[in-house]
Amino acid sequence: MKTRYLATLAAISLLSAGVATACSATPSATTTTSATTVAQATDPCAAKKVNPCAAKKADPCAAKASSTSSSIGAPLAQKLQGKPVVIDIYASWCPACKNIAPTLSQLKEQYAGKVEFVVLDISDKSSTSIAEATAKDLGLSKFLAENKTQTGSLTIVDPATGNILAQYRNNPDKTAYTKVLDAALTK
């Protein structure tokens, strides 16, 4: 009985490690003939169109730029016009938020008066309600609805057009942000 239990436990551990490895690996190139079959063979997540790693709070691809959308959908509220806007999707329980906090603090200090910083706190129901009201007031309702699960993300937006200039998740590299902000400020 013990042997059977240990064998089952070992099999589950191996399968779990295989899924975690597969989800963090980049799928190899696929050919045009039977692309779905090749994609399924190289990426076990492709067949379901669901990322089994997405439910985890830690993001194995966190430092990569996100490519959810290239626009907020419309210009932002009048009070945000004239300066680039950095939107922080924050939660107190989020490890990525804690990781980027020192970088965000440095950016706020460096760009004080030149850049608008908007924090949308979704730590709990109460703070999420406040964040939703703030987002509505600033023209960010659709953005918050689409990115509510992307805690630890910083998004730089041109308020006049609503275009997303850059979007990073769990990226503590200050130079990635300063390059985009400096370019936006020289326009």
Protein backbone atom coordinates (compact mmCIF):
# COMPACT_ATOMS: atom_id res chain seq x y z
CA MET A 1 0.00 0.00 0.00
CA LYS A 2 2.81 2.41 0.92
CA THR A 3 4.67 1.60 -2.30
CA ARG A 4 1.58 2.29 -4.39
CA TYR A 5 1.03 5.62 -2.57
CA LEU A 6 4.66 6.68 -3.08
CA ALA A 7 4.56 5.68 -6.74
CA THR A 8 1.39 7.74 -7.27
CA LEU A 9 2.94 10.72 -5.46
CA ALA A 10 6.09 10.47 -7.59
CA ALA A 11 4.03 10.33 -10.80
CA ILE A 12 2.05 13.42 -9.80
CA SER A 13 5.25 15.28 -8.97
CA LEU A 14 6.77 14.43 -12.34
CA LEU A 15 3.63 15.51 -14.21
CA SER A 16 3.45 18.77 -12.26
CA ALA A 17 7.09 19.53 -13.03
CA GLY A 18 6.47 18.79 -16.71
CA VAL A 19 3.54 21.24 -16.91
CA ALA A 20 5.49 23.97 -15.09
CA THR A 21 8.45 23.49 -17.42
CA ALA A 22 6.27 23.41 -20.51
CA CYS A 23 4.39 26.57 -19.52
CA SER A 24 7.54 28.57 -18.93
CA ALA A 25 9.29 27.36 -22.09
CA THR A 26 8.79 29.12 -25.38
CA PRO A 27 7.15 26.93 -27.98
CA SER A 28 9.28 26.17 -30.99
CA ALA A 29 8.33 27.31 -34.48
CA THR A 30 5.45 25.49 -36.09
CA THR A 31 5.03 24.55 -39.69
CA THR A 32 1.98 25.36 -41.79
CA THR A 33 1.03 21.71 -42.27
CA SER A 34 -1.03 20.61 -39.31
CA ALA A 35 0.05 23.62 -37.25
CA THR A 36 -2.33 22.70 -34.45
CA THR A 37 -0.83 19.24 -34.07
CA VAL A 38 2.72 20.60 -34.07
CA ALA A 39 1.76 23.35 -31.62
CA GLN A 40 0.17 20.76 -29.32
CA ALA A 41 3.28 18.63 -29.49
CA THR A 42 5.57 21.52 -28.58
CA ASP A 43 3.26 23.39 -26.21
CA PRO A 44 0.90 21.35 -24.00
CA CYS A 45 -1.02 24.55 -23.18
CA ALA A 46 -1.83 25.25 -26.87
CA ALA A 47 -4.58 22.66 -27.25
CA LYS A 48 -6.67 24.10 -24.43
CA LYS A 49 -5.96 27.76 -25.25
CA VAL A 50 -5.63 28.11 -21.48
CA ASN A 51 -2.44 28.72 -19.58
CA PRO A 52 -2.43 26.41 -16.52
CA CYS A 53 0.26 28.67 -15.05
CA ALA A 54 -2.06 31.70 -15.14
CA ALA A 55 -3.79 30.84 -11.89
CA LYS A 56 -0.52 31.05 -9.99
CA LYS A 57 0.35 34.36 -8.37
CA ALA A 58 3.98 34.10 -9.51
CA ASP A 59 4.42 34.75 -13.23
CA PRO A 60 7.31 32.77 -14.82
CA CYS A 61 7.37 35.21 -17.74
CA ALA A 62 6.98 38.27 -15.55
CA ALA A 63 9.78 40.49 -16.84
CA LYS A 64 8.58 40.25 -20.43
CA ALA A 65 6.60 43.10 -21.90
CA SER A 66 2.92 42.35 -22.07
CA SER A 67 1.08 42.60 -25.34
CA THR A 68 -2.55 42.61 -24.23
CA SER A 69 -3.59 45.69 -26.20
CA SER A 70 -1.94 48.68 -27.82
CA SER A 71 -4.56 51.17 -26.67
CA ILE A 72 -6.74 52.01 -23.70
CA GLY A 73 -9.50 52.61 -26.22
CA ALA A 74 -9.87 56.39 -25.92
CA PRO A 75 -8.08 59.48 -24.66
CA LEU A 76 -7.84 59.69 -20.88
CA ALA A 77 -9.60 62.22 -18.63
CA GLN A 78 -8.78 65.91 -19.06
CA LYS A 79 -6.97 66.09 -15.71
CA LEU A 80 -4.39 63.55 -16.98
CA GLN A 81 -3.63 65.39 -20.23
CA GLY A 82 -0.20 66.86 -20.95
CA LYS A 83 1.95 64.28 -19.18
CA PRO A 84 2.64 60.59 -19.76
CA VAL A 85 0.65 58.40 -17.37
CA VAL A 86 2.04 55.39 -15.47
CA ILE A 87 -0.70 53.04 -14.30
CA ASP A 88 0.16 50.65 -11.48
CA ILE A 89 -2.15 47.65 -10.93
CA TYR A 90 -1.39 47.01 -7.27
CA ALA A 91 -2.36 44.52 -4.57
CA SER A 92 -0.88 44.28 -1.08
CA TRP A 93 -0.65 40.48 -1.35
CA CYS A 94 1.17 40.56 -4.71
CA PRO A 95 4.87 39.49 -4.68
CA ALA A 96 5.49 41.22 -8.02
CA CYS A 97 4.15 44.51 -6.59
CA LYS A 98 6.63 44.25 -3.73
CA ASN A 99 9.40 43.45 -6.21
CA ILE A 100 8.80 46.56 -8.35
CA ALA A 101 8.01 48.92 -5.42
CA PRO A 102 11.57 50.30 -5.12
CA THR A 103 11.70 50.97 -8.88
CA LEU A 104 8.30 52.66 -8.82
CA SER A 105 9.40 54.81 -5.89
CA GLN A 106 12.53 55.90 -7.79
CA LEU A 107 10.46 56.70 -10.88
CA LYS A 108 8.03 58.80 -8.83
CA GLU A 109 10.93 60.75 -7.37
CA GLN A 110 12.75 61.19 -10.71
CA TYR A 111 9.65 62.22 -12.69
CA ALA A 112 7.79 64.23 -10.03
CA GLY A 113 5.71 66.88 -11.76
CA LYS A 114 6.53 65.48 -15.23
CA VAL A 115 4.59 62.21 -15.19
CA GLU A 116 1.19 61.29 -13.72
CA PHE A 117 1.20 58.14 -11.56
CA VAL A 118 -2.10 56.32 -11.08
CA VAL A 119 -2.31 53.43 -8.61
CA LEU A 120 -5.29 51.11 -8.96
CA ASP A 121 -5.32 49.05 -5.75
CA ILE A 122 -7.23 45.77 -6.01
CA SER A 123 -6.06 44.25 -2.71
CA ASP A 124 -9.60 43.54 -1.47
CA LYS A 125 -13.25 44.30 -2.27
CA SER A 126 -13.18 47.74 -0.66
CA SER A 127 -10.01 48.92 -2.41
CA THR A 128 -11.20 47.39 -5.69
CA SER A 129 -14.42 49.44 -5.48
CA ILE A 130 -12.34 52.59 -4.95
CA ALA A 131 -10.03 51.61 -7.84
CA GLU A 132 -13.03 51.07 -10.12
CA ALA A 133 -14.44 54.50 -9.23
CA THR A 134 -11.03 56.11 -9.83
CA ALA A 135 -10.67 54.26 -13.13
CA LYS A 136 -14.13 55.45 -14.23
CA ASP A 137 -13.23 59.04 -13.32
CA LEU A 138 -9.96 58.86 -15.30
CA GLY A 139 -11.27 57.05 -18.38
CA LEU A 140 -9.60 53.78 -17.40
CA SER A 141 -12.64 51.55 -16.68
CA LYS A 142 -12.13 49.26 -19.68
CA PHE A 143 -8.38 49.08 -18.99
CA LEU A 144 -8.92 48.08 -15.35
CA ALA A 145 -11.54 45.50 -16.29
CA GLU A 146 -9.16 43.91 -18.80
CA ASN A 147 -6.06 44.10 -16.57
CA LYS A 148 -7.44 43.49 -13.08
CA THR A 149 -5.62 40.16 -12.89
CA GLN A 150 -2.30 41.68 -13.97
CA THR A 151 -1.08 42.81 -10.55
CA GLY A 152 2.52 43.94 -10.50
CA SER A 153 2.15 45.57 -13.89
CA LEU A 154 3.14 49.09 -14.85
CA THR A 155 1.64 50.53 -18.01
CA ILE A 156 2.81 53.77 -19.62
CA VAL A 157 0.09 55.54 -21.60
CA ASP A 158 -0.07 58.60 -23.85
CA PRO A 159 -3.13 60.33 -22.36
CA ALA A 160 -3.97 62.30 -25.53
CA THR A 161 -4.44 59.18 -27.65
CA GLY A 162 -4.89 56.42 -25.09
CA ASN A 163 -2.06 54.49 -26.78
CA ILE A 164 -0.08 52.15 -24.56
CA LEU A 165 3.58 53.07 -24.92
CA ALA A 166 4.86 50.18 -22.80
CA GLN A 167 3.47 47.58 -20.43
CA TYR A 168 5.61 45.46 -18.14
CA ARG A 169 4.80 42.98 -15.43
CA ASN A 170 7.13 42.40 -12.48
CA ASN A 171 9.94 44.31 -14.18
CA PRO A 172 12.23 46.04 -11.66
CA ASP A 173 14.55 47.34 -14.44
CA LYS A 174 14.26 51.11 -14.07
CA THR A 175 15.95 51.79 -17.44
CA ALA A 176 13.12 50.02 -19.29
CA TYR A 177 10.72 52.65 -17.94
CA THR A 178 13.04 55.67 -18.20
CA LYS A 179 13.66 55.03 -21.91
CA VAL A 180 9.93 55.10 -22.65
CA LEU A 181 9.19 58.03 -20.34
CA ASP A 182 12.09 60.13 -21.64
CA ALA A 183 10.97 59.51 -25.23
CA ALA A 184 7.39 60.45 -24.34
CA LEU A 185 8.52 63.64 -22.61
CA THR A 186 10.57 64.81 -25.61
CA LYS A 187 7.51 64.75 -27.92
